[in-house]
Amino acid sequence: MSDYADDLPDHDAELDTCGLYCPEPIMLMHNKVRDMSQGEILKVVATDPATTRDIPKFCSFLGHELIHQHEGETTYLYLIRLG
């Protein structure tokens, strides 16, 4: 196993949407960011391939910064800095 996880920035909150499909991951993200402050980092883990399209659009539309995106074999990892 590599030190990949050690290279990621710290995050303030984590949202596990594994097993959920569009539109549920985005709906849960909307709810989660309401409880967070500007500048905080949200880590999102997903299994839905649609998140590769939906999460960047979510960030762009709402003024958040997608600071990291990684596609694994079965999971997708995102780090989002709230704008």
PDB file of N, CA and C in Angstrom:
ATOM      1  N   MET A   1       0.851  -1.195   0.000  1.00  0.00           N
ATOM      2  CA  MET A   1       0.000   0.000   0.000  1.00  0.00           C
ATOM      3  C   MET A   1       0.886   1.244   0.000  1.00  0.00           C
ATOM      4  N   SER A   2       0.509   2.229  -0.771  1.00  0.00           N
ATOM      5  CA  SER A   2       1.321   3.443  -0.885  1.00  0.00           C
ATOM      6  C   SER A   2       0.967   4.443   0.204  1.00  0.00           C
ATOM      7  N   ASP A   3       1.717   5.534   0.200  1.00  0.00           N
ATOM      8  CA  ASP A   3       1.449   6.620   1.141  1.00  0.00           C
ATOM      9  C   ASP A   3       0.485   7.629   0.543  1.00  0.00           C
ATOM     10  N   TYR A   4      -0.336   7.188  -0.407  1.00  0.00           N
ATOM     11  CA  TYR A   4      -1.263   8.062  -1.115  1.00  0.00           C
ATOM     12  C   TYR A   4      -2.109   8.884  -0.154  1.00  0.00           C
ATOM     13  N   ALA A   5      -2.688   8.232   0.846  1.00  0.00           N
ATOM     14  CA  ALA A   5      -3.565   8.940   1.794  1.00  0.00           C
ATOM     15  C   ALA A   5      -2.808  10.001   2.571  1.00  0.00           C
ATOM     16  N   ASP A   6      -1.507   9.788   2.787  1.00  0.00           N
ATOM     17  CA  ASP A   6      -0.706  10.760   3.523  1.00  0.00           C
ATOM     18  C   ASP A   6      -0.491  12.040   2.719  1.00  0.00           C
ATOM     19  N   ASP A   7      -0.650  11.962   1.403  1.00  0.00           N
ATOM     20  CA  ASP A   7      -0.431  13.119   0.544  1.00  0.00           C
ATOM     21  C   ASP A   7      -1.638  14.039   0.471  1.00  0.00           C
ATOM     22  N   LEU A   8      -2.767  13.587   0.977  1.00  0.00           N
ATOM     23  CA  LEU A   8      -3.993  14.371   0.894  1.00  0.00           C
ATOM     24  C   LEU A   8      -4.038  15.417   2.003  1.00  0.00           C
ATOM     25  N   PRO A   9      -4.633  16.576   1.716  1.00  0.00           N
ATOM     26  CA  PRO A   9      -4.791  17.574   2.780  1.00  0.00           C
ATOM     27  C   PRO A   9      -5.777  17.085   3.841  1.00  0.00           C
ATOM     28  N   ASP A  10      -5.632  17.628   5.035  1.00  0.00           N
ATOM     29  CA  ASP A  10      -6.575  17.293   6.100  1.00  0.00           C
ATOM     30  C   ASP A  10      -7.968  17.758   5.700  1.00  0.00           C
ATOM     31  N   HIS A  11      -8.974  17.092   6.257  1.00  0.00           N
ATOM     32  CA  HIS A  11     -10.347  17.492   5.979  1.00  0.00           C
ATOM     33  C   HIS A  11     -11.075  17.729   7.303  1.00  0.00           C
ATOM     34  N   ASP A  12     -12.111  18.558   7.247  1.00  0.00           N
ATOM     35  CA  ASP A  12     -12.869  18.925   8.443  1.00  0.00           C
ATOM     36  C   ASP A  12     -14.075  18.027   8.658  1.00  0.00           C
ATOM     37  N   ALA A  13     -14.581  17.433   7.583  1.00  0.00           N
ATOM     38  CA  ALA A  13     -15.749  16.549   7.680  1.00  0.00           C
ATOM     39  C   ALA A  13     -15.649  15.520   6.565  1.00  0.00           C
ATOM     40  N   GLU A  14     -16.322  14.395   6.779  1.00  0.00           N
ATOM     41  CA  GLU A  14     -16.317  13.325   5.786  1.00  0.00           C
ATOM     42  C   GLU A  14     -17.743  12.865   5.538  1.00  0.00           C
ATOM     43  N   LEU A  15     -18.026  12.576   4.274  1.00  0.00           N
ATOM     44  CA  LEU A  15     -19.336  12.090   3.878  1.00  0.00           C
ATOM     45  C   LEU A  15     -19.148  10.821   3.057  1.00  0.00           C
ATOM     46  N   ASP A  16     -19.684   9.718   3.562  1.00  0.00           N
ATOM     47  CA  ASP A  16     -19.594   8.431   2.868  1.00  0.00           C
ATOM     48  C   ASP A  16     -20.915   8.188   2.149  1.00  0.00           C
ATOM     49  N   THR A  17     -20.874   8.225   0.823  1.00  0.00           N
ATOM     50  CA  THR A  17     -22.090   8.005   0.036  1.00  0.00           C
ATOM     51  C   THR A  17     -22.025   6.674  -0.712  1.00  0.00           C
ATOM     52  N   CYS A  18     -21.160   5.785  -0.268  1.00  0.00           N
ATOM     53  CA  CYS A  18     -20.997   4.493  -0.928  1.00  0.00           C
ATOM     54  C   CYS A  18     -22.315   3.729  -0.929  1.00  0.00           C
ATOM     55  N   GLY A  19     -22.634   3.154  -2.087  1.00  0.00           N
ATOM     56  CA  GLY A  19     -23.868   2.406  -2.248  1.00  0.00           C
ATOM     57  C   GLY A  19     -25.055   3.243  -2.667  1.00  0.00           C
ATOM     58  N   LEU A  20     -24.893   4.554  -2.695  1.00  0.00           N
ATOM     59  CA  LEU A  20     -25.984   5.449  -3.090  1.00  0.00           C
ATOM     60  C   LEU A  20     -25.792   5.889  -4.531  1.00  0.00           C
ATOM     61  N   TYR A  21     -26.897   6.144  -5.203  1.00  0.00           N
ATOM     62  CA  TYR A  21     -26.852   6.548  -6.604  1.00  0.00           C
ATOM     63  C   TYR A  21     -27.557   7.874  -6.798  1.00  0.00           C
ATOM     64  N   CYS A  22     -27.209   8.545  -7.881  1.00  0.00           N
ATOM     65  CA  CYS A  22     -27.750   9.836  -8.247  1.00  0.00           C
ATOM     66  C   CYS A  22     -29.279   9.828  -8.092  1.00  0.00           C
ATOM     67  N   PRO A  23     -29.807  10.808  -7.397  1.00  0.00           N
ATOM     68  CA  PRO A  23     -29.227  12.071  -6.949  1.00  0.00           C
ATOM     69  C   PRO A  23     -28.830  12.086  -5.474  1.00  0.00           C
ATOM     70  N   GLU A  24     -28.866  10.938  -4.809  1.00  0.00           N
ATOM     71  CA  GLU A  24     -28.643  10.913  -3.359  1.00  0.00           C
ATOM     72  C   GLU A  24     -27.295  11.478  -2.906  1.00  0.00           C
ATOM     73  N   PRO A  25     -26.159  11.150  -3.545  1.00  0.00           N
ATOM     74  CA  PRO A  25     -24.900  11.733  -3.065  1.00  0.00           C
ATOM     75  C   PRO A  25     -24.906  13.257  -3.068  1.00  0.00           C
ATOM     76  N   ILE A  26     -25.456  13.861  -4.102  1.00  0.00           N
ATOM     77  CA  ILE A  26     -25.490  15.325  -4.179  1.00  0.00           C
ATOM     78  C   ILE A  26     -26.455  15.901  -3.148  1.00  0.00           C
ATOM     79  N   MET A  27     -27.573  15.249  -2.938  1.00  0.00           N
ATOM     80  CA  MET A  27     -28.519  15.713  -1.916  1.00  0.00           C
ATOM     81  C   MET A  27     -27.876  15.685  -0.534  1.00  0.00           C
ATOM     82  N   LEU A  28     -27.142  14.623  -0.226  1.00  0.00           N
ATOM     83  CA  LEU A  28     -26.459  14.529   1.064  1.00  0.00           C
ATOM     84  C   LEU A  28     -25.361  15.585   1.182  1.00  0.00           C
ATOM     85  N   MET A  29     -24.685  15.867   0.078  1.00  0.00           N
ATOM     86  CA  MET A  29     -23.657  16.913   0.101  1.00  0.00           C
ATOM     87  C   MET A  29     -24.271  18.274   0.396  1.00  0.00           C
ATOM     88  N   HIS A  30     -25.410  18.574  -0.206  1.00  0.00           N
ATOM     89  CA  HIS A  30     -26.089  19.843   0.076  1.00  0.00           C
ATOM     90  C   HIS A  30     -26.366  19.964   1.572  1.00  0.00           C
ATOM     91  N   ASN A  31     -26.862  18.911   2.179  1.00  0.00           N
ATOM     92  CA  ASN A  31     -27.164  18.936   3.602  1.00  0.00           C
ATOM     93  C   ASN A  31     -25.898  19.092   4.445  1.00  0.00           C
ATOM     94  N   LYS A  32     -24.834  18.399   4.058  1.00  0.00           N
ATOM     95  CA  LYS A  32     -23.589  18.432   4.829  1.00  0.00           C
ATOM     96  C   LYS A  32     -22.941  19.808   4.793  1.00  0.00           C
ATOM     97  N   VAL A  33     -22.876  20.439   3.621  1.00  0.00           N
ATOM     98  CA  VAL A  33     -22.196  21.734   3.533  1.00  0.00           C
ATOM     99  C   VAL A  33     -22.952  22.824   4.296  1.00  0.00           C
ATOM    100  N   ARG A  34     -24.230  22.636   4.525  1.00  0.00           N
ATOM    101  CA  ARG A  34     -24.992  23.611   5.329  1.00  0.00           C
ATOM    102  C   ARG A  34     -24.475  23.682   6.763  1.00  0.00           C
ATOM    103  N   ASP A  35     -23.908  22.576   7.247  1.00  0.00           N
ATOM    104  CA  ASP A  35     -23.402  22.504   8.615  1.00  0.00           C
ATOM    105  C   ASP A  35     -21.934  22.900   8.705  1.00  0.00           C
ATOM    106  N   MET A  36     -21.343  23.293   7.588  1.00  0.00           N
ATOM    107  CA  MET A  36     -19.925  23.618   7.556  1.00  0.00           C
ATOM    108  C   MET A  36     -19.721  25.099   7.269  1.00  0.00           C
ATOM    109  N   SER A  37     -18.481  25.552   7.445  1.00  0.00           N
ATOM    110  CA  SER A  37     -18.145  26.958   7.222  1.00  0.00           C
ATOM    111  C   SER A  37     -17.264  27.128   5.998  1.00  0.00           C
ATOM    112  N   GLN A  38     -17.263  28.331   5.470  1.00  0.00           N
ATOM    113  CA  GLN A  38     -16.432  28.659   4.319  1.00  0.00           C
ATOM    114  C   GLN A  38     -14.972  28.333   4.632  1.00  0.00           C
ATOM    115  N   GLY A  39     -14.284  27.735   3.670  1.00  0.00           N
ATOM    116  CA  GLY A  39     -12.879  27.393   3.837  1.00  0.00           C
ATOM    117  C   GLY A  39     -12.630  25.998   4.388  1.00  0.00           C
ATOM    118  N   GLU A  40     -13.654  25.391   4.987  1.00  0.00           N
ATOM    119  CA  GLU A  40     -13.487  24.037   5.488  1.00  0.00           C
ATOM    120  C   GLU A  40     -13.445  23.059   4.324  1.00  0.00           C
ATOM    121  N   ILE A  41     -12.864  21.887   4.571  1.00  0.00           N
ATOM    122  CA  ILE A  41     -12.714  20.880   3.531  1.00  0.00           C
ATOM    123  C   ILE A  41     -13.582  19.673   3.850  1.00  0.00           C
ATOM    124  N   LEU A  42     -14.371  19.280   2.863  1.00  0.00           N
ATOM    125  CA  LEU A  42     -15.244  18.114   2.949  1.00  0.00           C
ATOM    126  C   LEU A  42     -14.645  16.996   2.113  1.00  0.00           C
ATOM    127  N   LYS A  43     -14.509  15.836   2.726  1.00  0.00           N
ATOM    128  CA  LYS A  43     -14.070  14.639   2.009  1.00  0.00           C
ATOM    129  C   LYS A  43     -15.310  13.818   1.673  1.00  0.00           C
ATOM    130  N   VAL A  44     -15.460  13.462   0.406  1.00  0.00           N
ATOM    131  CA  VAL A  44     -16.604  12.667  -0.039  1.00  0.00           C
ATOM    132  C   VAL A  44     -16.077  11.379  -0.656  1.00  0.00           C
ATOM    133  N   VAL A  45     -16.634  10.252  -0.215  1.00  0.00           N
ATOM    134  CA  VAL A  45     -16.311   8.948  -0.777  1.00  0.00           C
ATOM    135  C   VAL A  45     -17.591   8.425  -1.416  1.00  0.00           C
ATOM    136  N   ALA A  46     -17.472   7.954  -2.658  1.00  0.00           N
ATOM    137  CA  ALA A  46     -18.655   7.516  -3.398  1.00  0.00           C
ATOM    138  C   ALA A  46     -18.339   6.268  -4.221  1.00  0.00           C
ATOM    139  N   THR A  47     -19.398   5.579  -4.616  1.00  0.00           N
ATOM    140  CA  THR A  47     -19.259   4.440  -5.524  1.00  0.00           C
ATOM    141  C   THR A  47     -20.010   4.678  -6.830  1.00  0.00           C
ATOM    142  N   ASP A  48     -20.785   5.720  -6.919  1.00  0.00           N
ATOM    143  CA  ASP A  48     -21.569   6.023  -8.113  1.00  0.00           C
ATOM    144  C   ASP A  48     -20.695   6.733  -9.145  1.00  0.00           C
ATOM    145  N   PRO A  49     -20.492   6.136 -10.326  1.00  0.00           N
ATOM    146  CA  PRO A  49     -19.683   6.786 -11.358  1.00  0.00           C
ATOM    147  C   PRO A  49     -20.230   8.147 -11.793  1.00  0.00           C
ATOM    148  N   ALA A  50     -21.511   8.386 -11.601  1.00  0.00           N
ATOM    149  CA  ALA A  50     -22.094   9.680 -11.974  1.00  0.00           C
ATOM    150  C   ALA A  50     -21.514  10.824 -11.151  1.00  0.00           C
ATOM    151  N   THR A  51     -20.917  10.521 -10.009  1.00  0.00           N
ATOM    152  CA  THR A  51     -20.330  11.588  -9.193  1.00  0.00           C
ATOM    153  C   THR A  51     -19.154  12.248  -9.903  1.00  0.00           C
ATOM    154  N   THR A  52     -18.513  11.544 -10.848  1.00  0.00           N
ATOM    155  CA  THR A  52     -17.399  12.156 -11.583  1.00  0.00           C
ATOM    156  C   THR A  52     -17.876  13.334 -12.422  1.00  0.00           C
ATOM    157  N   ARG A  53     -19.144  13.350 -12.743  1.00  0.00           N
ATOM    158  CA  ARG A  53     -19.752  14.459 -13.473  1.00  0.00           C
ATOM    159  C   ARG A  53     -20.447  15.421 -12.505  1.00  0.00           C
ATOM    160  N   ASP A  54     -21.183  14.851 -11.553  1.00  0.00           N
ATOM    161  CA  ASP A  54     -22.047  15.655 -10.688  1.00  0.00           C
ATOM    162  C   ASP A  54     -21.286  16.500  -9.671  1.00  0.00           C
ATOM    163  N   ILE A  55     -20.246  15.959  -9.070  1.00  0.00           N
ATOM    164  CA  ILE A  55     -19.543  16.701  -8.014  1.00  0.00           C
ATOM    165  C   ILE A  55     -18.789  17.908  -8.577  1.00  0.00           C
ATOM    166  N   PRO A  56     -18.074  17.790  -9.694  1.00  0.00           N
ATOM    167  CA  PRO A  56     -17.468  19.015 -10.252  1.00  0.00           C
ATOM    168  C   PRO A  56     -18.511  20.082 -10.609  1.00  0.00           C
ATOM    169  N   LYS A  57     -19.660  19.667 -11.138  1.00  0.00           N
ATOM    170  CA  LYS A  57     -20.723  20.632 -11.450  1.00  0.00           C
ATOM    171  C   LYS A  57     -21.285  21.255 -10.181  1.00  0.00           C
ATOM    172  N   PHE A  58     -21.456  20.442  -9.128  1.00  0.00           N
ATOM    173  CA  PHE A  58     -21.916  20.932  -7.830  1.00  0.00           C
ATOM    174  C   PHE A  58     -20.978  22.031  -7.337  1.00  0.00           C
ATOM    175  N   CYS A  59     -19.676  21.765  -7.410  1.00  0.00           N
ATOM    176  CA  CYS A  59     -18.684  22.728  -6.930  1.00  0.00           C
ATOM    177  C   CYS A  59     -18.716  24.008  -7.757  1.00  0.00           C
ATOM    178  N   SER A  60     -18.730  23.861  -9.057  1.00  0.00           N
ATOM    179  CA  SER A  60     -18.736  25.019  -9.941  1.00  0.00           C
ATOM    180  C   SER A  60     -19.981  25.879  -9.727  1.00  0.00           C
ATOM    181  N   PHE A  61     -21.121  25.249  -9.636  1.00  0.00           N
ATOM    182  CA  PHE A  61     -22.384  25.961  -9.496  1.00  0.00           C
ATOM    183  C   PHE A  61     -22.480  26.703  -8.167  1.00  0.00           C
ATOM    184  N   LEU A  62     -21.956  26.083  -7.087  1.00  0.00           N
ATOM    185  CA  LEU A  62     -22.102  26.682  -5.756  1.00  0.00           C
ATOM    186  C   LEU A  62     -20.864  27.435  -5.274  1.00  0.00           C
ATOM    187  N   GLY A  63     -19.828  27.532  -6.109  1.00  0.00           N
ATOM    188  CA  GLY A  63     -18.651  28.315  -5.742  1.00  0.00           C
ATOM    189  C   GLY A  63     -17.692  27.612  -4.806  1.00  0.00           C
ATOM    190  N   HIS A  64     -17.717  26.281  -4.782  1.00  0.00           N
ATOM    191  CA  HIS A  64     -16.764  25.514  -3.980  1.00  0.00           C
ATOM    192  C   HIS A  64     -15.594  25.124  -4.868  1.00  0.00           C
ATOM    193  N   GLU A  65     -14.467  24.777  -4.240  1.00  0.00           N
ATOM    194  CA  GLU A  65     -13.273  24.394  -4.985  1.00  0.00           C
ATOM    195  C   GLU A  65     -13.046  22.896  -4.850  1.00  0.00           C
ATOM    196  N   LEU A  66     -13.035  22.202  -5.961  1.00  0.00           N
ATOM    197  CA  LEU A  66     -12.714  20.778  -5.973  1.00  0.00           C
ATOM    198  C   LEU A  66     -11.192  20.685  -5.965  1.00  0.00           C
ATOM    199  N   ILE A  67     -10.614  20.403  -4.791  1.00  0.00           N
ATOM    200  CA  ILE A  67      -9.159  20.441  -4.670  1.00  0.00           C
ATOM    201  C   ILE A  67      -8.511  19.087  -4.923  1.00  0.00           C
ATOM    202  N   HIS A  68      -9.307  18.022  -4.926  1.00  0.00           N
ATOM    203  CA  HIS A  68      -8.755  16.701  -5.205  1.00  0.00           C
ATOM    204  C   HIS A  68      -9.855  15.780  -5.699  1.00  0.00           C
ATOM    205  N   GLN A  69      -9.528  14.991  -6.716  1.00  0.00           N
ATOM    206  CA  GLN A  69     -10.465  14.001  -7.245  1.00  0.00           C
ATOM    207  C   GLN A  69      -9.644  12.773  -7.604  1.00  0.00           C
ATOM    208  N   HIS A  70     -10.066  11.610  -7.093  1.00  0.00           N
ATOM    209  CA  HIS A  70      -9.352  10.365  -7.385  1.00  0.00           C
ATOM    210  C   HIS A  70     -10.355   9.270  -7.699  1.00  0.00           C
ATOM    211  N   GLU A  71     -10.080   8.548  -8.778  1.00  0.00           N
ATOM    212  CA  GLU A  71     -10.943   7.451  -9.195  1.00  0.00           C
ATOM    213  C   GLU A  71     -10.208   6.143  -8.945  1.00  0.00           C
ATOM    214  N   GLY A  72     -10.715   5.342  -7.999  1.00  0.00           N
ATOM    215  CA  GLY A  72     -10.157   4.033  -7.729  1.00  0.00           C
ATOM    216  C   GLY A  72     -10.886   2.972  -8.530  1.00  0.00           C
ATOM    217  N   GLU A  73     -10.634   1.716  -8.197  1.00  0.00           N
ATOM    218  CA  GLU A  73     -11.299   0.622  -8.916  1.00  0.00           C
ATOM    219  C   GLU A  73     -12.807   0.623  -8.691  1.00  0.00           C
ATOM    220  N   THR A  74     -13.211   0.828  -7.452  1.00  0.00           N
ATOM    221  CA  THR A  74     -14.644   0.772  -7.128  1.00  0.00           C
ATOM    222  C   THR A  74     -15.141   1.993  -6.372  1.00  0.00           C
ATOM    223  N   THR A  75     -14.233   2.885  -6.003  1.00  0.00           N
ATOM    224  CA  THR A  75     -14.648   4.069  -5.247  1.00  0.00           C
ATOM    225  C   THR A  75     -14.066   5.334  -5.862  1.00  0.00           C
ATOM    226  N   TYR A  76     -14.701   6.437  -5.525  1.00  0.00           N
ATOM    227  CA  TYR A  76     -14.290   7.759  -5.977  1.00  0.00           C
ATOM    228  C   TYR A  76     -14.102   8.623  -4.743  1.00  0.00           C
ATOM    229  N   LEU A  77     -13.035   9.400  -4.741  1.00  0.00           N
ATOM    230  CA  LEU A  77     -12.706  10.241  -3.596  1.00  0.00           C
ATOM    231  C   LEU A  77     -12.613  11.688  -4.052  1.00  0.00           C
ATOM    232  N   TYR A  78     -13.226  12.568  -3.285  1.00  0.00           N
ATOM    233  CA  TYR A  78     -13.230  13.993  -3.593  1.00  0.00           C
ATOM    234  C   TYR A  78     -12.908  14.789  -2.336  1.00  0.00           C
ATOM    235  N   LEU A  79     -12.139  15.849  -2.495  1.00  0.00           N
ATOM    236  CA  LEU A  79     -11.930  16.814  -1.428  1.00  0.00           C
ATOM    237  C   LEU A  79     -12.390  18.169  -1.949  1.00  0.00           C
ATOM    238  N   ILE A  80     -13.269  18.780  -1.192  1.00  0.00           N
ATOM    239  CA  ILE A  80     -13.926  20.014  -1.619  1.00  0.00           C
ATOM    240  C   ILE A  80     -13.705  21.089  -0.562  1.00  0.00           C
ATOM    241  N   ARG A  81     -13.139  22.225  -0.973  1.00  0.00           N
ATOM    242  CA  ARG A  81     -13.001  23.374  -0.081  1.00  0.00           C
ATOM    243  C   ARG A  81     -14.211  24.261  -0.288  1.00  0.00           C
ATOM    244  N   LEU A  82     -14.946  24.498   0.779  1.00  0.00           N
ATOM    245  CA  LEU A  82     -16.177  25.279   0.676  1.00  0.00           C
ATOM    246  C   LEU A  82     -15.879  26.743   0.413  1.00  0.00           C
ATOM    247  N   GLY A  83     -16.608  27.301  -0.545  1.00  0.00           N
ATOM    248  CA  GLY A  83     -16.453  28.697  -0.921  1.00  0.00           C
ATOM    249  C   GLY A  83     -17.439  29.570  -0.200  1.00  0.00           C
TER     250      GLY A  83
END
